[in-house]
Amino acid sequence: MSTVALRQLVVGSFIALIALGLAWELWLAPLRPGAWLLSLKVAPLVLALPALRSGRVRAFQGWSMGVLAYLCEGAVRAASDHGPSALLALLEAALALLAFTGILLYVRRMRRDASPRAPLRAPGRPRAPAAPDRRARDASGARREDR
């Protein structure tokens, strides 16, 4: 995949996580009726969107750790909740895992494209030996200073 496609994958999964988090906590399966404060968990995702959309590698690197919180929440709530909330938690974990994988692939591709390429050698050809050290050494192997 190209870097543009990977960036779109990550941004799309973040948008899906935002939509799922809001729908889950406000309408579909809130913990308690009227408990809207848990829907604020999507605020960091909303704040991350401009940096991710612009393709800043630092934002992707930081969110490679941040998105794991959503993965953990989805896994814990999938194991502990019942009914539609467990299914929504599995969906959240899947979206977070998709975002995490996309982030890792994007950063890997950007780092690979930014690093200078090493000159190619033939696979069986050994490296040239290093130049010999012409400075004198004493009996212990330490270098003696020229006087």
N, C-alpha and C. Protein backbone atom coordinates (compact mmCIF):
# COMPACT_ATOMS: atom_id res chain seq x y z
N MET A 1 0.84 -1.19 0.00
CA MET A 1 0.00 0.00 0.00
C MET A 1 0.88 1.25 0.00
N SER A 2 0.39 2.28 -0.60
CA SER A 2 1.12 3.53 -0.62
C SER A 2 0.92 4.28 0.70
N THR A 3 1.74 5.28 0.92
CA THR A 3 1.61 6.05 2.15
C THR A 3 0.28 6.81 2.19
N VAL A 4 -0.20 7.23 1.03
CA VAL A 4 -1.49 7.94 0.99
C VAL A 4 -2.61 6.99 1.40
N ALA A 5 -2.58 5.78 0.89
CA ALA A 5 -3.62 4.80 1.24
C ALA A 5 -3.54 4.42 2.72
N LEU A 6 -2.32 4.28 3.25
CA LEU A 6 -2.18 3.96 4.67
C LEU A 6 -2.68 5.11 5.55
N ARG A 7 -2.35 6.33 5.15
CA ARG A 7 -2.83 7.49 5.91
C ARG A 7 -4.36 7.56 5.88
N GLN A 8 -4.96 7.30 4.72
CA GLN A 8 -6.42 7.29 4.62
C GLN A 8 -7.04 6.17 5.45
N LEU A 9 -6.37 5.02 5.52
CA LEU A 9 -6.85 3.92 6.34
C LEU A 9 -6.86 4.30 7.81
N VAL A 10 -5.79 4.94 8.27
CA VAL A 10 -5.71 5.34 9.68
C VAL A 10 -6.74 6.42 9.99
N VAL A 11 -6.84 7.43 9.15
CA VAL A 11 -7.81 8.50 9.38
C VAL A 11 -9.24 7.94 9.34
N GLY A 12 -9.50 7.05 8.42
CA GLY A 12 -10.83 6.43 8.34
C GLY A 12 -11.16 5.60 9.56
N SER A 13 -10.18 4.87 10.07
CA SER A 13 -10.45 4.08 11.28
C SER A 13 -10.62 4.98 12.50
N PHE A 14 -9.93 6.11 12.54
CA PHE A 14 -10.13 7.07 13.63
C PHE A 14 -11.54 7.67 13.57
N ILE A 15 -11.98 8.01 12.36
CA ILE A 15 -13.33 8.57 12.20
C ILE A 15 -14.37 7.52 12.61
N ALA A 16 -14.13 6.26 12.22
CA ALA A 16 -15.06 5.19 12.61
C ALA A 16 -15.05 4.98 14.12
N LEU A 17 -13.88 5.09 14.76
CA LEU A 17 -13.81 4.97 16.23
C LEU A 17 -14.57 6.11 16.90
N ILE A 18 -14.47 7.31 16.35
CA ILE A 18 -15.21 8.46 16.90
C ILE A 18 -16.71 8.23 16.77
N ALA A 19 -17.15 7.84 15.59
CA ALA A 19 -18.58 7.60 15.38
C ALA A 19 -19.09 6.47 16.26
N LEU A 20 -18.33 5.40 16.37
CA LEU A 20 -18.74 4.28 17.22
C LEU A 20 -18.79 4.68 18.68
N GLY A 21 -17.78 5.40 19.15
CA GLY A 21 -17.75 5.82 20.55
C GLY A 21 -18.92 6.72 20.91
N LEU A 22 -19.25 7.66 20.04
CA LEU A 22 -20.38 8.54 20.31
C LEU A 22 -21.71 7.78 20.26
N ALA A 23 -21.89 6.97 19.23
CA ALA A 23 -23.15 6.22 19.11
C ALA A 23 -23.30 5.22 20.26
N TRP A 24 -22.22 4.58 20.63
CA TRP A 24 -22.26 3.58 21.69
C TRP A 24 -22.66 4.19 23.02
N GLU A 25 -22.00 5.26 23.40
CA GLU A 25 -22.20 5.83 24.72
C GLU A 25 -23.41 6.76 24.81
N LEU A 26 -23.91 7.24 23.67
CA LEU A 26 -25.06 8.14 23.72
C LEU A 26 -26.39 7.44 23.40
N TRP A 27 -26.40 6.50 22.43
CA TRP A 27 -27.67 5.93 21.99
C TRP A 27 -27.74 4.40 22.08
N LEU A 28 -26.74 3.71 21.54
CA LEU A 28 -26.86 2.27 21.34
C LEU A 28 -26.86 1.45 22.64
N ALA A 29 -25.85 1.64 23.47
CA ALA A 29 -25.76 0.85 24.70
C ALA A 29 -25.00 1.61 25.78
N PRO A 30 -25.54 2.73 26.26
CA PRO A 30 -24.83 3.47 27.32
C PRO A 30 -24.81 2.65 28.61
N LEU A 31 -23.83 2.93 29.46
CA LEU A 31 -23.76 2.22 30.74
C LEU A 31 -24.99 2.49 31.59
N ARG A 32 -25.40 3.75 31.64
CA ARG A 32 -26.63 4.15 32.33
C ARG A 32 -27.33 5.17 31.45
N PRO A 33 -28.63 5.19 31.48
CA PRO A 33 -29.33 6.23 30.71
C PRO A 33 -28.95 7.63 31.21
N GLY A 34 -28.62 8.49 30.28
CA GLY A 34 -28.24 9.86 30.63
C GLY A 34 -26.77 10.01 30.99
N ALA A 35 -25.98 8.94 30.95
CA ALA A 35 -24.55 9.02 31.29
C ALA A 35 -23.78 9.35 30.01
N TRP A 36 -23.67 10.62 29.70
CA TRP A 36 -23.02 11.06 28.47
C TRP A 36 -21.54 11.36 28.66
N LEU A 37 -21.05 11.39 29.90
CA LEU A 37 -19.65 11.76 30.13
C LEU A 37 -18.66 10.75 29.53
N LEU A 38 -19.05 9.49 29.45
CA LEU A 38 -18.15 8.50 28.88
C LEU A 38 -17.96 8.70 27.38
N SER A 39 -18.85 9.45 26.76
CA SER A 39 -18.68 9.74 25.33
C SER A 39 -17.53 10.71 25.07
N LEU A 40 -17.04 11.35 26.11
CA LEU A 40 -15.90 12.27 25.95
C LEU A 40 -14.60 11.53 25.68
N LYS A 41 -14.63 10.20 25.74
CA LYS A 41 -13.42 9.44 25.45
C LYS A 41 -12.96 9.60 24.00
N VAL A 42 -13.83 10.09 23.14
CA VAL A 42 -13.45 10.28 21.74
C VAL A 42 -12.80 11.64 21.49
N ALA A 43 -12.78 12.51 22.48
CA ALA A 43 -12.19 13.84 22.30
C ALA A 43 -10.73 13.79 21.86
N PRO A 44 -9.87 12.92 22.45
CA PRO A 44 -8.49 12.86 21.96
C PRO A 44 -8.39 12.42 20.50
N LEU A 45 -9.29 11.55 20.07
CA LEU A 45 -9.29 11.12 18.68
C LEU A 45 -9.62 12.29 17.74
N VAL A 46 -10.58 13.10 18.16
CA VAL A 46 -10.96 14.27 17.37
C VAL A 46 -9.79 15.25 17.27
N LEU A 47 -9.10 15.45 18.38
CA LEU A 47 -7.96 16.38 18.37
C LEU A 47 -6.80 15.86 17.54
N ALA A 48 -6.69 14.54 17.38
CA ALA A 48 -5.59 13.96 16.61
C ALA A 48 -5.82 14.01 15.11
N LEU A 49 -7.05 14.17 14.68
CA LEU A 49 -7.37 14.09 13.25
C LEU A 49 -6.59 15.07 12.37
N PRO A 50 -6.46 16.36 12.73
CA PRO A 50 -5.72 17.26 11.82
C PRO A 50 -4.26 16.85 11.61
N ALA A 51 -3.60 16.41 12.67
CA ALA A 51 -2.20 16.00 12.54
C ALA A 51 -2.08 14.72 11.72
N LEU A 52 -3.01 13.80 11.92
CA LEU A 52 -2.97 12.56 11.15
C LEU A 52 -3.32 12.81 9.68
N ARG A 53 -4.26 13.68 9.45
CA ARG A 53 -4.67 13.99 8.08
C ARG A 53 -3.53 14.64 7.30
N SER A 54 -2.71 15.44 7.99
CA SER A 54 -1.60 16.10 7.31
C SER A 54 -0.41 15.16 7.12
N GLY A 55 -0.41 14.01 7.78
CA GLY A 55 0.65 13.02 7.58
C GLY A 55 1.88 13.22 8.42
N ARG A 56 1.77 13.89 9.54
CA ARG A 56 2.93 14.11 10.41
C ARG A 56 3.35 12.79 11.06
N VAL A 57 4.59 12.41 10.82
CA VAL A 57 5.08 11.13 11.32
C VAL A 57 5.09 11.11 12.85
N ARG A 58 5.41 12.23 13.48
CA ARG A 58 5.43 12.29 14.94
C ARG A 58 4.04 12.01 15.52
N ALA A 59 3.01 12.50 14.88
CA ALA A 59 1.65 12.24 15.34
C ALA A 59 1.33 10.74 15.22
N PHE A 60 1.75 10.15 14.13
CA PHE A 60 1.53 8.72 13.96
C PHE A 60 2.31 7.93 15.00
N GLN A 61 3.54 8.34 15.28
CA GLN A 61 4.33 7.64 16.28
C GLN A 61 3.69 7.75 17.66
N GLY A 62 3.21 8.93 18.02
CA GLY A 62 2.57 9.09 19.31
C GLY A 62 1.28 8.31 19.42
N TRP A 63 0.49 8.32 18.37
CA TRP A 63 -0.79 7.62 18.39
C TRP A 63 -0.64 6.11 18.26
N SER A 64 0.56 5.63 17.91
CA SER A 64 0.76 4.19 17.92
C SER A 64 0.62 3.65 19.33
N MET A 65 0.91 4.47 20.32
CA MET A 65 0.70 4.07 21.72
C MET A 65 -0.69 4.46 22.21
N GLY A 66 -1.20 5.60 21.77
CA GLY A 66 -2.49 6.07 22.25
C GLY A 66 -3.66 5.21 21.80
N VAL A 67 -3.58 4.67 20.59
CA VAL A 67 -4.69 3.87 20.08
C VAL A 67 -4.79 2.53 20.82
N LEU A 68 -3.72 2.14 21.49
CA LEU A 68 -3.76 0.90 22.25
C LEU A 68 -4.70 1.00 23.45
N ALA A 69 -4.93 2.20 23.96
CA ALA A 69 -5.90 2.38 25.04
C ALA A 69 -7.31 2.01 24.58
N TYR A 70 -7.63 2.35 23.35
CA TYR A 70 -8.95 2.00 22.80
C TYR A 70 -9.03 0.50 22.53
N LEU A 71 -7.92 -0.10 22.13
CA LEU A 71 -7.89 -1.54 21.94
C LEU A 71 -8.11 -2.25 23.27
N CYS A 72 -7.44 -1.78 24.32
CA CYS A 72 -7.60 -2.39 25.65
C CYS A 72 -9.03 -2.20 26.16
N GLU A 73 -9.60 -1.01 25.98
CA GLU A 73 -10.96 -0.80 26.45
C GLU A 73 -11.93 -1.73 25.72
N GLY A 74 -11.75 -1.88 24.43
CA GLY A 74 -12.62 -2.78 23.67
C GLY A 74 -12.48 -4.21 24.12
N ALA A 75 -11.26 -4.64 24.39
CA ALA A 75 -11.05 -6.03 24.83
C ALA A 75 -11.65 -6.28 26.21
N VAL A 76 -11.45 -5.33 27.13
CA VAL A 76 -11.97 -5.50 28.49
C VAL A 76 -13.49 -5.47 28.49
N ARG A 77 -14.07 -4.53 27.77
CA ARG A 77 -15.53 -4.44 27.76
C ARG A 77 -16.16 -5.58 26.97
N ALA A 78 -15.47 -6.13 25.99
CA ALA A 78 -16.00 -7.30 25.27
C ALA A 78 -16.05 -8.51 26.19
N ALA A 79 -15.08 -8.61 27.10
CA ALA A 79 -15.04 -9.74 28.02
C ALA A 79 -15.99 -9.56 29.21
N SER A 80 -16.26 -8.31 29.59
CA SER A 80 -17.04 -8.09 30.81
C SER A 80 -18.49 -7.69 30.56
N ASP A 81 -18.78 -7.04 29.45
CA ASP A 81 -20.15 -6.60 29.17
C ASP A 81 -20.97 -7.72 28.54
N HIS A 82 -22.27 -7.52 28.54
CA HIS A 82 -23.18 -8.49 27.94
C HIS A 82 -24.07 -7.77 26.94
N GLY A 83 -24.65 -8.54 26.04
CA GLY A 83 -25.61 -7.99 25.09
C GLY A 83 -24.95 -7.21 23.98
N PRO A 84 -25.62 -6.15 23.52
CA PRO A 84 -25.08 -5.38 22.38
C PRO A 84 -23.79 -4.65 22.74
N SER A 85 -23.58 -4.36 23.99
CA SER A 85 -22.37 -3.66 24.39
C SER A 85 -21.12 -4.50 24.14
N ALA A 86 -21.22 -5.81 24.31
CA ALA A 86 -20.08 -6.69 24.04
C ALA A 86 -19.74 -6.71 22.56
N LEU A 87 -20.75 -6.70 21.72
CA LEU A 87 -20.52 -6.67 20.27
C LEU A 87 -19.90 -5.34 19.84
N LEU A 88 -20.37 -4.25 20.42
CA LEU A 88 -19.79 -2.94 20.12
C LEU A 88 -18.35 -2.86 20.60
N ALA A 89 -18.05 -3.50 21.73
CA ALA A 89 -16.68 -3.51 22.24
C ALA A 89 -15.76 -4.29 21.30
N LEU A 90 -16.24 -5.40 20.76
CA LEU A 90 -15.44 -6.15 19.78
C LEU A 90 -15.17 -5.31 18.54
N LEU A 91 -16.17 -4.57 18.11
CA LEU A 91 -16.00 -3.69 16.96
C LEU A 91 -14.98 -2.60 17.25
N GLU A 92 -15.03 -2.04 18.46
CA GLU A 92 -14.05 -1.02 18.84
C GLU A 92 -12.64 -1.60 18.86
N ALA A 93 -12.48 -2.79 19.40
CA ALA A 93 -11.16 -3.44 19.44
C ALA A 93 -10.66 -3.71 18.02
N ALA A 94 -11.55 -4.14 17.14
CA ALA A 94 -11.14 -4.41 15.75
C ALA A 94 -10.72 -3.13 15.04
N LEU A 95 -11.47 -2.04 15.24
CA LEU A 95 -11.11 -0.76 14.61
C LEU A 95 -9.79 -0.24 15.17
N ALA A 96 -9.59 -0.37 16.46
CA ALA A 96 -8.33 0.08 17.07
C ALA A 96 -7.16 -0.75 16.56
N LEU A 97 -7.36 -2.04 16.39
CA LEU A 97 -6.30 -2.90 15.85
C LEU A 97 -6.00 -2.55 14.40
N LEU A 98 -7.02 -2.23 13.64
CA LEU A 98 -6.82 -1.80 12.26
C LEU A 98 -6.04 -0.48 12.22
N ALA A 99 -6.39 0.45 13.08
CA ALA A 99 -5.67 1.73 13.14
C ALA A 99 -4.22 1.51 13.56
N PHE A 100 -3.99 0.65 14.56
CA PHE A 100 -2.64 0.38 15.04
C PHE A 100 -1.79 -0.22 13.93
N THR A 101 -2.34 -1.18 13.21
CA THR A 101 -1.60 -1.81 12.11
C THR A 101 -1.29 -0.80 11.01
N GLY A 102 -2.28 0.03 10.67
CA GLY A 102 -2.05 1.06 9.66
C GLY A 102 -0.99 2.07 10.08
N ILE A 103 -1.00 2.44 11.36
CA ILE A 103 0.01 3.38 11.88
C ILE A 103 1.40 2.79 11.77
N LEU A 104 1.54 1.53 12.19
CA LEU A 104 2.87 0.90 12.12
C LEU A 104 3.38 0.80 10.69
N LEU A 105 2.51 0.41 9.78
CA LEU A 105 2.92 0.30 8.38
C LEU A 105 3.26 1.67 7.79
N TYR A 106 2.49 2.70 8.15
CA TYR A 106 2.75 4.05 7.65
C TYR A 106 4.11 4.56 8.13
N VAL A 107 4.37 4.43 9.43
CA VAL A 107 5.64 4.92 9.98
C VAL A 107 6.81 4.14 9.39
N ARG A 108 6.63 2.83 9.25
CA ARG A 108 7.69 2.02 8.67
C ARG A 108 7.99 2.46 7.25
N ARG A 109 6.95 2.69 6.45
CA ARG A 109 7.14 3.11 5.07
C ARG A 109 7.80 4.49 5.01
N MET A 110 7.37 5.42 5.84
CA MET A 110 7.94 6.77 5.82
C MET A 110 9.40 6.76 6.25
N ARG A 111 9.73 5.94 7.26
CA ARG A 111 11.12 5.87 7.70
C ARG A 111 11.99 5.23 6.63
N ARG A 112 11.46 4.21 5.96
CA ARG A 112 12.22 3.55 4.91
C ARG A 112 12.46 4.49 3.74
N ASP A 113 11.44 5.26 3.37
CA ASP A 113 11.59 6.19 2.25
C ASP A 113 12.50 7.36 2.59
N ALA A 114 12.60 7.73 3.87
CA ALA A 114 13.41 8.87 4.26
C ALA A 114 14.88 8.50 4.47
N SER A 115 15.18 7.24 4.74
CA SER A 115 16.57 6.87 5.03
C SER A 115 17.35 6.75 3.73
N PRO A 116 18.63 7.19 3.77
CA PRO A 116 19.45 7.06 2.56
C PRO A 116 19.73 5.58 2.28
N ARG A 117 19.74 5.25 1.05
CA ARG A 117 19.97 3.86 0.66
C ARG A 117 21.46 3.53 0.76
N ALA A 118 21.76 2.38 1.34
CA ALA A 118 23.15 1.93 1.41
C ALA A 118 23.56 1.39 0.05
N PRO A 119 24.83 1.56 -0.31
CA PRO A 119 25.27 1.03 -1.60
C PRO A 119 25.16 -0.50 -1.58
N LEU A 120 24.75 -1.02 -2.71
CA LEU A 120 24.54 -2.46 -2.80
C LEU A 120 25.87 -3.17 -3.03
N ARG A 121 26.05 -4.32 -2.36
CA ARG A 121 27.20 -5.19 -2.57
C ARG A 121 26.69 -6.51 -3.09
N ALA A 122 27.55 -7.22 -3.77
CA ALA A 122 27.18 -8.58 -4.17
C ALA A 122 27.05 -9.42 -2.91
N PRO A 123 26.08 -10.33 -2.83
CA PRO A 123 25.84 -11.07 -1.59
C PRO A 123 27.03 -11.89 -1.11
N GLY A 124 27.80 -12.48 -1.99
CA GLY A 124 28.90 -13.33 -1.55
C GLY A 124 30.22 -12.60 -1.42
N ARG A 125 30.24 -11.34 -1.75
CA ARG A 125 31.50 -10.58 -1.78
C ARG A 125 31.80 -10.02 -0.40
N PRO A 126 32.95 -10.33 0.17
CA PRO A 126 33.29 -9.80 1.51
C PRO A 126 33.65 -8.32 1.44
N ARG A 127 33.56 -7.69 2.58
CA ARG A 127 33.96 -6.28 2.65
C ARG A 127 35.46 -6.16 2.54
N ALA A 128 35.91 -5.00 2.11
CA ALA A 128 37.34 -4.74 2.00
C ALA A 128 37.93 -4.66 3.41
N PRO A 129 39.16 -5.18 3.59
CA PRO A 129 39.76 -5.11 4.93
C PRO A 129 40.05 -3.67 5.32
N ALA A 130 40.03 -3.41 6.60
CA ALA A 130 40.32 -2.07 7.11
C ALA A 130 41.80 -1.77 6.94
N ALA A 131 42.11 -0.50 6.85
CA ALA A 131 43.51 -0.08 6.70
C ALA A 131 44.27 -0.43 7.98
N PRO A 132 45.52 -0.92 7.85
CA PRO A 132 46.28 -1.28 9.06
C PRO A 132 46.62 -0.04 9.87
N ASP A 133 46.72 -0.23 11.17
CA ASP A 133 47.07 0.85 12.09
C ASP A 133 48.59 0.95 12.12
N ARG A 134 49.14 2.07 11.69
CA ARG A 134 50.58 2.19 11.55
C ARG A 134 51.25 2.78 12.78
N ARG A 135 50.48 3.12 13.81
CA ARG A 135 51.11 3.68 15.00
C ARG A 135 51.72 2.57 15.83
N ALA A 136 52.80 2.88 16.46
CA ALA A 136 53.53 1.88 17.25
C ALA A 136 52.76 1.56 18.53
N ARG A 137 52.90 0.33 18.97
CA ARG A 137 52.27 -0.12 20.21
C ARG A 137 53.35 -0.66 21.13
N ASP A 138 53.11 -0.51 22.43
CA ASP A 138 54.06 -1.06 23.39
C ASP A 138 53.71 -2.52 23.67
N ALA A 139 54.33 -3.14 24.62
CA ALA A 139 54.15 -4.57 24.91
C ALA A 139 52.74 -4.89 25.39
N SER A 140 52.08 -3.95 26.08
CA SER A 140 50.74 -4.22 26.58
C SER A 140 49.67 -4.03 25.50
N GLY A 141 50.02 -3.54 24.35
CA GLY A 141 49.07 -3.33 23.28
C GLY A 141 48.55 -1.89 23.20
N ALA A 142 48.94 -1.04 24.16
CA ALA A 142 48.50 0.36 24.15
C ALA A 142 49.34 1.13 23.14
N ARG A 143 48.76 2.13 22.56
CA ARG A 143 49.48 2.93 21.57
C ARG A 143 50.47 3.84 22.26
N ARG A 144 51.65 3.92 21.66
CA ARG A 144 52.65 4.86 22.17
C ARG A 144 52.53 6.14 21.37
N GLU A 145 52.63 7.24 22.06
CA GLU A 145 52.57 8.55 21.40
C GLU A 145 53.88 8.82 20.69
N ASP A 146 53.77 9.44 19.55
CA ASP A 146 54.98 9.84 18.82
C ASP A 146 55.65 10.96 19.56
N ARG A 147 56.97 10.86 19.68
CA ARG A 147 57.69 11.90 20.41
C ARG A 147 58.59 12.68 19.52
